[in-house]
Protein backbone atom coordinates (compact mmCIF):
# COMPACT_ATOMS: atom_id res chain seq x y z
CA MET A 1 0.12 8.62 14.69
CA SER A 2 1.08 7.16 11.35
CA LYS A 3 4.35 5.35 10.81
CA GLU A 4 4.54 5.95 7.04
CA SER A 5 7.35 8.26 5.93
CA ALA A 6 6.68 11.63 4.36
CA GLY A 7 8.40 10.44 1.17
CA LEU A 8 6.12 7.41 0.94
CA LYS A 9 3.00 9.51 1.51
CA SER A 10 4.09 12.05 -1.10
CA TRP A 11 4.83 9.30 -3.64
CA ARG A 12 1.49 7.59 -2.93
CA ARG A 13 -0.48 10.78 -3.61
CA LYS A 14 1.04 10.89 -7.10
CA GLN A 15 -0.04 7.35 -7.97
CA PRO A 16 -3.21 6.79 -10.00
CA ARG A 17 -6.12 4.98 -8.35
CA GLY A 18 -5.51 1.25 -8.31
CA ALA A 19 -1.76 1.49 -8.93
CA ILE A 20 -0.87 0.26 -5.44
CA MET A 21 -3.81 -2.04 -4.78
CA LYS A 22 -6.93 -2.45 -6.85
CA PRO A 23 -10.12 -1.47 -4.98
CA GLU A 24 -11.48 -4.97 -5.69
CA THR A 25 -8.49 -6.50 -3.89
CA PHE A 26 -9.04 -4.28 -0.86
CA ASP A 27 -12.74 -5.22 -0.80
CA LYS A 28 -11.87 -8.92 -1.15
CA ILE A 29 -9.52 -8.76 1.84
CA VAL A 30 -12.26 -7.07 3.89
CA ALA A 31 -14.83 -9.69 2.84
CA ASP A 32 -12.44 -12.57 3.60
CA MET A 33 -11.65 -11.21 7.06
CA MET A 34 -15.34 -10.67 7.83
CA ALA A 35 -16.00 -14.26 6.74
CA LYS A 36 -13.39 -15.34 9.29
CA GLY A 37 -15.38 -13.57 12.00
CA TYR A 38 -13.67 -10.19 12.26
CA SER A 39 -15.77 -7.04 12.63
CA ARG A 40 -15.96 -4.71 9.62
CA GLU A 41 -13.81 -2.13 11.41
CA ARG A 42 -11.08 -4.69 12.20
CA ALA A 43 -11.27 -6.17 8.67
CA GLU A 44 -10.75 -2.71 7.16
CA LYS A 45 -7.74 -2.15 9.42
CA ILE A 46 -6.25 -5.45 8.25
CA ALA A 47 -6.87 -4.52 4.60
CA GLY A 48 -5.39 -1.07 5.25
CA SER A 49 -2.29 -2.67 6.71
CA ALA A 50 -1.97 -4.84 3.59
CA TYR A 51 -2.43 -1.72 1.43
CA TRP A 52 0.33 0.20 3.19
CA GLY A 53 2.62 -2.85 3.09
CA SER A 54 2.11 -3.03 -0.66
CA ALA A 55 2.64 0.73 -1.00
CA GLU A 56 5.88 0.57 0.99
CA SER A 57 7.16 -2.32 -1.12
CA LYS A 58 6.39 -0.51 -4.37
CA TYR A 59 7.91 2.72 -3.04
CA LYS A 60 11.14 0.94 -2.08
CA SER A 61 11.27 -0.63 -5.55
CA TYR A 62 10.78 2.85 -7.06
CA GLN A 63 13.54 4.28 -4.85
CA HIS A 64 15.89 1.45 -5.84
CA ARG A 65 15.28 2.05 -9.55
CA LYS A 66 15.62 5.80 -9.07
CA TYR A 67 19.02 5.64 -7.39
CA SER A 68 20.60 2.58 -9.02
CA LYS A 69 20.72 3.66 -12.67
CA LYS A 70 24.14 2.92 -14.13
CA GLY A 71 26.02 6.05 -15.01
CA GLY A 72 23.19 8.10 -13.57
CA LYS A 73 23.21 10.79 -10.97
């Protein structure tokens, strides 16, 4: 079961490819983890965790900008 919120998932689907993490960055994380001795499956899970951490950070930043506009609604 995934721990990401529905709002985060909805926001992520609207983002263009590479807006959260460039594919090259994801591949580099996988390669670095494999070089450290992790299996490909484990390396992809680590890269996926980094991806979702980045997505959550960018989503929170988006939410902050959305709700903190001066004089806004």
